[in-house]
Amino acid sequence: MMRTAFFGAALMLGLQSLVTAQQNHNVCEETGVARSLDFWLGEWKVYDQQNNLTGHNRIEKELSGCAVFEHWTGLDGPGGKSLFYFDAANQSWHQVWVTPFTDQPGGLKRKDMIEEFGNGGVRFEGRVLLPNGDSYLDRTTLTPNKDGKVRQVIEFSQDEGENWEVSFDATYVPKRE
């Protein structure tokens, strides 16, 4: 009986230690890959390549760094939202982009991070399905600049990545209050 009580107490102590370790462990804040989007966090004014203001974007980290939310407001139409989430098991980021027009090309996208660059930039790529059953590749490249700005280029390919066309090319400038 005493032996059973001892093992029961040891098991409970072990489980309590495991729970405490899990509560104190945060893979999203401790892993380098999980911090890949940190350069993009903040409030931004977004300009096209002709230096015209095209919109505003707020990028914020949530859930102890396991999620990054994008809140896009364009000057010429409705906005969009992205959820970037970190998959700790695969050490990778994924994105879901949603607009009010999920029935139209580009209104809903799902992308996976496929590359990290030596300059700190990242690239996401995914396949956009069209209502007629066709699809095309869509990729986003985010590049931090030394001056604190960020460049975002969104491209699409209708020939499986042989050729890419730019659909959005903008510079993110930190918003100063």
C-alpha atoms as a PDB file:
ATOM      1  CA  MET A   1       0.000   0.000   0.000  1.00  0.00           C
ATOM      2  CA  MET A   2       2.811   2.385   0.910  1.00  0.00           C
ATOM      3  CA  ARG A   3       4.582   1.538  -2.350  1.00  0.00           C
ATOM      4  CA  THR A   4       1.425   2.374  -4.360  1.00  0.00           C
ATOM      5  CA  ALA A   5       1.047   5.686  -2.547  1.00  0.00           C
ATOM      6  CA  PHE A   6       4.688   6.522  -3.268  1.00  0.00           C
ATOM      7  CA  PHE A   7       4.343   5.792  -6.992  1.00  0.00           C
ATOM      8  CA  GLY A   8       1.064   7.696  -7.115  1.00  0.00           C
ATOM      9  CA  ALA A   9       2.692  10.736  -5.506  1.00  0.00           C
ATOM     10  CA  ALA A  10       5.699  10.483  -7.846  1.00  0.00           C
ATOM     11  CA  LEU A  11       3.397  10.266 -10.875  1.00  0.00           C
ATOM     12  CA  MET A  12       1.439  13.327  -9.748  1.00  0.00           C
ATOM     13  CA  LEU A  13       4.655  15.272  -9.133  1.00  0.00           C
ATOM     14  CA  GLY A  14       5.928  14.289 -12.592  1.00  0.00           C
ATOM     15  CA  LEU A  15       2.680  15.371 -14.279  1.00  0.00           C
ATOM     16  CA  GLN A  16       2.690  18.648 -12.359  1.00  0.00           C
ATOM     17  CA  SER A  17       6.284  19.302 -13.503  1.00  0.00           C
ATOM     18  CA  LEU A  18       5.313  18.557 -17.104  1.00  0.00           C
ATOM     19  CA  VAL A  19       2.370  20.967 -16.974  1.00  0.00           C
ATOM     20  CA  THR A  20       4.545  23.682 -15.389  1.00  0.00           C
ATOM     21  CA  ALA A  21       7.241  23.173 -18.067  1.00  0.00           C
ATOM     22  CA  GLN A  22       4.631  23.451 -20.826  1.00  0.00           C
ATOM     23  CA  GLN A  23       3.258  26.649 -19.304  1.00  0.00           C
ATOM     24  CA  ASN A  24       6.740  28.203 -19.178  1.00  0.00           C
ATOM     25  CA  HIS A  25       7.793  26.993 -22.648  1.00  0.00           C
ATOM     26  CA  ASN A  26       6.891  29.133 -25.653  1.00  0.00           C
ATOM     27  CA  VAL A  27       8.230  27.727 -28.894  1.00  0.00           C
ATOM     28  CA  CYS A  28       6.960  30.719 -30.872  1.00  0.00           C
ATOM     29  CA  GLU A  29       9.063  33.204 -28.931  1.00  0.00           C
ATOM     30  CA  GLU A  30      12.105  30.940 -28.591  1.00  0.00           C
ATOM     31  CA  THR A  31      12.556  29.698 -32.160  1.00  0.00           C
ATOM     32  CA  GLY A  32      14.369  31.770 -34.771  1.00  0.00           C
ATOM     33  CA  VAL A  33      12.034  30.739 -37.605  1.00  0.00           C
ATOM     34  CA  ALA A  34       9.051  31.748 -35.488  1.00  0.00           C
ATOM     35  CA  ARG A  35      10.418  35.297 -35.397  1.00  0.00           C
ATOM     36  CA  SER A  36      10.733  35.537 -39.192  1.00  0.00           C
ATOM     37  CA  LEU A  37       7.969  38.154 -39.490  1.00  0.00           C
ATOM     38  CA  ASP A  38       9.090  40.397 -36.611  1.00  0.00           C
ATOM     39  CA  PHE A  39      10.544  42.978 -39.029  1.00  0.00           C
ATOM     40  CA  TRP A  40       7.058  43.558 -40.449  1.00  0.00           C
ATOM     41  CA  LEU A  41       5.320  44.289 -37.137  1.00  0.00           C
ATOM     42  CA  GLY A  42       3.924  47.780 -36.683  1.00  0.00           C
ATOM     43  CA  GLU A  43       1.772  50.486 -38.250  1.00  0.00           C
ATOM     44  CA  TRP A  44       2.536  51.285 -41.883  1.00  0.00           C
ATOM     45  CA  LYS A  45       1.705  53.698 -44.682  1.00  0.00           C
ATOM     46  CA  VAL A  46       1.922  51.800 -47.956  1.00  0.00           C
ATOM     47  CA  TYR A  47       3.167  53.416 -51.185  1.00  0.00           C
ATOM     48  CA  ASP A  48       3.307  52.063 -54.726  1.00  0.00           C
ATOM     49  CA  GLN A  49       6.456  52.355 -56.823  1.00  0.00           C
ATOM     50  CA  GLN A  50       5.374  55.807 -58.081  1.00  0.00           C
ATOM     51  CA  ASN A  51       5.275  56.938 -54.430  1.00  0.00           C
ATOM     52  CA  ASN A  52       1.462  57.170 -54.340  1.00  0.00           C
ATOM     53  CA  LEU A  53      -0.168  56.277 -51.032  1.00  0.00           C
ATOM     54  CA  THR A  54      -2.209  53.101 -51.649  1.00  0.00           C
ATOM     55  CA  GLY A  55      -3.281  52.208 -48.138  1.00  0.00           C
ATOM     56  CA  HIS A  56      -2.474  51.483 -44.519  1.00  0.00           C
ATOM     57  CA  ASN A  57      -1.501  48.262 -42.838  1.00  0.00           C
ATOM     58  CA  ARG A  58      -1.241  47.216 -39.218  1.00  0.00           C
ATOM     59  CA  ILE A  59       0.746  44.068 -38.480  1.00  0.00           C
ATOM     60  CA  GLU A  60       0.580  42.700 -34.948  1.00  0.00           C
ATOM     61  CA  LYS A  61       1.855  39.642 -33.145  1.00  0.00           C
ATOM     62  CA  GLU A  62      -0.571  37.721 -30.949  1.00  0.00           C
ATOM     63  CA  LEU A  63      -0.796  34.482 -28.990  1.00  0.00           C
ATOM     64  CA  SER A  64       2.770  34.649 -27.680  1.00  0.00           C
ATOM     65  CA  GLY A  65       4.151  35.050 -31.190  1.00  0.00           C
ATOM     66  CA  CYS A  66       2.388  32.027 -32.689  1.00  0.00           C
ATOM     67  CA  ALA A  67       0.134  34.257 -34.808  1.00  0.00           C
ATOM     68  CA  VAL A  68       0.614  37.464 -36.752  1.00  0.00           C
ATOM     69  CA  PHE A  69      -2.426  39.431 -37.893  1.00  0.00           C
ATOM     70  CA  GLU A  70      -2.467  41.764 -40.875  1.00  0.00           C
ATOM     71  CA  HIS A  71      -5.119  44.484 -41.104  1.00  0.00           C
ATOM     72  CA  TRP A  72      -5.013  46.017 -44.608  1.00  0.00           C
ATOM     73  CA  THR A  73      -7.044  49.102 -45.516  1.00  0.00           C
ATOM     74  CA  GLY A  74      -6.702  50.142 -49.142  1.00  0.00           C
ATOM     75  CA  LEU A  75      -7.506  53.639 -50.369  1.00  0.00           C
ATOM     76  CA  ASP A  76      -9.376  52.323 -53.405  1.00  0.00           C
ATOM     77  CA  GLY A  77     -11.647  49.712 -51.897  1.00  0.00           C
ATOM     78  CA  PRO A  78     -12.375  47.322 -49.093  1.00  0.00           C
ATOM     79  CA  GLY A  79      -9.646  45.942 -46.940  1.00  0.00           C
ATOM     80  CA  GLY A  80      -8.423  42.488 -46.206  1.00  0.00           C
ATOM     81  CA  LYS A  81      -7.113  40.482 -43.287  1.00  0.00           C
ATOM     82  CA  SER A  82      -4.394  37.901 -42.985  1.00  0.00           C
ATOM     83  CA  LEU A  83      -3.683  35.380 -40.317  1.00  0.00           C
ATOM     84  CA  PHE A  84      -0.112  34.131 -40.359  1.00  0.00           C
ATOM     85  CA  TYR A  85       0.329  31.169 -38.033  1.00  0.00           C
ATOM     86  CA  PHE A  86       3.425  29.275 -36.956  1.00  0.00           C
ATOM     87  CA  ASP A  87       3.357  25.482 -37.106  1.00  0.00           C
ATOM     88  CA  ALA A  88       5.905  24.441 -34.492  1.00  0.00           C
ATOM     89  CA  ALA A  89       5.869  20.786 -35.537  1.00  0.00           C
ATOM     90  CA  ASN A  90       7.061  21.699 -39.043  1.00  0.00           C
ATOM     91  CA  GLN A  91       8.929  24.897 -38.091  1.00  0.00           C
ATOM     92  CA  SER A  92       7.025  26.816 -40.755  1.00  0.00           C
ATOM     93  CA  TRP A  93       4.708  29.756 -41.265  1.00  0.00           C
ATOM     94  CA  HIS A  94       1.407  29.685 -43.166  1.00  0.00           C
ATOM     95  CA  GLN A  95      -0.901  32.497 -44.275  1.00  0.00           C
ATOM     96  CA  VAL A  96      -4.618  32.809 -44.881  1.00  0.00           C
ATOM     97  CA  TRP A  97      -5.700  36.034 -46.647  1.00  0.00           C
ATOM     98  CA  VAL A  98      -9.402  36.951 -46.670  1.00  0.00           C
ATOM     99  CA  THR A  99     -11.354  39.812 -48.245  1.00  0.00           C
ATOM    100  CA  PRO A 100     -15.100  40.391 -48.593  1.00  0.00           C
ATOM    101  CA  PHE A 101     -14.792  38.886 -52.103  1.00  0.00           C
ATOM    102  CA  THR A 102     -13.881  35.268 -51.466  1.00  0.00           C
ATOM    103  CA  ASP A 103     -15.747  34.272 -54.647  1.00  0.00           C
ATOM    104  CA  GLN A 104     -13.305  36.249 -56.816  1.00  0.00           C
ATOM    105  CA  PRO A 105      -9.682  35.481 -57.772  1.00  0.00           C
ATOM    106  CA  GLY A 106      -7.373  36.720 -55.020  1.00  0.00           C
ATOM    107  CA  GLY A 107     -10.220  37.299 -52.561  1.00  0.00           C
ATOM    108  CA  LEU A 108      -9.131  34.268 -50.566  1.00  0.00           C
ATOM    109  CA  LYS A 109      -5.601  32.880 -50.525  1.00  0.00           C
ATOM    110  CA  ARG A 110      -3.670  30.313 -48.556  1.00  0.00           C
ATOM    111  CA  LYS A 111       0.115  30.369 -48.735  1.00  0.00           C
ATOM    112  CA  ASP A 112       3.053  28.632 -47.111  1.00  0.00           C
ATOM    113  CA  MET A 113       6.426  30.156 -46.349  1.00  0.00           C
ATOM    114  CA  ILE A 114       8.772  28.579 -48.874  1.00  0.00           C
ATOM    115  CA  GLU A 115      11.947  30.589 -48.396  1.00  0.00           C
ATOM    116  CA  GLU A 116      13.916  32.778 -46.007  1.00  0.00           C
ATOM    117  CA  PHE A 117      16.554  35.052 -47.490  1.00  0.00           C
ATOM    118  CA  GLY A 118      19.904  36.045 -46.014  1.00  0.00           C
ATOM    119  CA  ASN A 119      18.727  39.670 -45.808  1.00  0.00           C
ATOM    120  CA  GLY A 120      15.893  38.688 -43.449  1.00  0.00           C
ATOM    121  CA  GLY A 121      13.231  38.583 -46.158  1.00  0.00           C
ATOM    122  CA  VAL A 122      10.678  35.809 -46.568  1.00  0.00           C
ATOM    123  CA  ARG A 123       8.609  34.372 -49.391  1.00  0.00           C
ATOM    124  CA  PHE A 124       5.181  32.767 -49.219  1.00  0.00           C
ATOM    125  CA  GLU A 125       3.593  30.830 -52.070  1.00  0.00           C
ATOM    126  CA  GLY A 126       0.269  29.152 -52.689  1.00  0.00           C
ATOM    127  CA  ARG A 127      -2.226  28.133 -55.308  1.00  0.00           C
ATOM    128  CA  VAL A 128      -5.348  30.231 -55.935  1.00  0.00           C
ATOM    129  CA  LEU A 129      -8.343  28.267 -57.157  1.00  0.00           C
ATOM    130  CA  LEU A 130     -10.656  29.872 -59.690  1.00  0.00           C
ATOM    131  CA  PRO A 131     -14.433  29.308 -59.862  1.00  0.00           C
ATOM    132  CA  ASN A 132     -14.053  27.386 -63.151  1.00  0.00           C
ATOM    133  CA  GLY A 133     -11.688  24.880 -61.515  1.00  0.00           C
ATOM    134  CA  ASP A 134      -8.464  26.343 -62.920  1.00  0.00           C
ATOM    135  CA  SER A 135      -5.768  27.713 -60.641  1.00  0.00           C
ATOM    136  CA  TYR A 136      -2.645  29.829 -60.620  1.00  0.00           C
ATOM    137  CA  LEU A 137       0.391  30.231 -58.377  1.00  0.00           C
ATOM    138  CA  ASP A 138       0.558  33.295 -56.144  1.00  0.00           C
ATOM    139  CA  ARG A 139       3.569  34.382 -54.118  1.00  0.00           C
ATOM    140  CA  THR A 140       4.434  37.195 -51.761  1.00  0.00           C
ATOM    141  CA  THR A 141       7.941  38.375 -50.969  1.00  0.00           C
ATOM    142  CA  LEU A 142       8.546  40.610 -47.942  1.00  0.00           C
ATOM    143  CA  THR A 143      11.949  42.277 -47.712  1.00  0.00           C
ATOM    144  CA  PRO A 144      13.158  44.462 -44.831  1.00  0.00           C
ATOM    145  CA  ASN A 145      15.191  47.484 -45.920  1.00  0.00           C
ATOM    146  CA  LYS A 146      18.077  48.917 -43.911  1.00  0.00           C
ATOM    147  CA  ASP A 147      16.165  52.205 -43.504  1.00  0.00           C
ATOM    148  CA  GLY A 148      13.334  50.493 -41.569  1.00  0.00           C
ATOM    149  CA  LYS A 149      10.976  50.271 -44.535  1.00  0.00           C
ATOM    150  CA  VAL A 150       9.651  46.986 -45.940  1.00  0.00           C
ATOM    151  CA  ARG A 151       9.032  46.090 -49.571  1.00  0.00           C
ATOM    152  CA  GLN A 152       6.215  43.733 -50.476  1.00  0.00           C
ATOM    153  CA  VAL A 153       5.936  42.211 -53.936  1.00  0.00           C
ATOM    154  CA  ILE A 154       2.983  39.990 -54.865  1.00  0.00           C
ATOM    155  CA  GLU A 155       3.267  38.029 -58.093  1.00  0.00           C
ATOM    156  CA  PHE A 156       1.269  35.399 -59.939  1.00  0.00           C
ATOM    157  CA  SER A 157       2.135  32.708 -62.469  1.00  0.00           C
ATOM    158  CA  GLN A 158      -0.243  30.983 -64.838  1.00  0.00           C
ATOM    159  CA  ASP A 159       2.414  28.593 -66.163  1.00  0.00           C
ATOM    160  CA  GLU A 160       3.505  26.777 -62.981  1.00  0.00           C
ATOM    161  CA  GLY A 161       6.225  29.271 -62.065  1.00  0.00           C
ATOM    162  CA  GLU A 162       7.955  29.568 -65.436  1.00  0.00           C
ATOM    163  CA  ASN A 163       7.029  33.264 -65.653  1.00  0.00           C
ATOM    164  CA  TRP A 164       5.848  35.632 -62.938  1.00  0.00           C
ATOM    165  CA  GLU A 165       3.816  38.840 -63.283  1.00  0.00           C
ATOM    166  CA  VAL A 166       3.753  41.505 -60.576  1.00  0.00           C
ATOM    167  CA  SER A 167       0.284  42.346 -59.261  1.00  0.00           C
ATOM    168  CA  PHE A 168       1.376  44.480 -56.282  1.00  0.00           C
ATOM    169  CA  ASP A 169       4.697  46.180 -55.551  1.00  0.00           C
ATOM    170  CA  ALA A 170       4.747  48.501 -52.583  1.00  0.00           C
ATOM    171  CA  THR A 171       6.943  50.015 -49.929  1.00  0.00           C
ATOM    172  CA  TYR A 172       5.829  50.031 -46.315  1.00  0.00           C
ATOM    173  CA  VAL A 173       6.869  53.166 -44.446  1.00  0.00           C
ATOM    174  CA  PRO A 174       6.558  53.216 -40.638  1.00  0.00           C
ATOM    175  CA  LYS A 175       3.640  55.370 -39.565  1.00  0.00           C
ATOM    176  CA  ARG A 176       4.692  58.165 -37.219  1.00  0.00           C
ATOM    177  CA  GLU A 177       2.039  59.391 -34.817  1.00  0.00           C
END
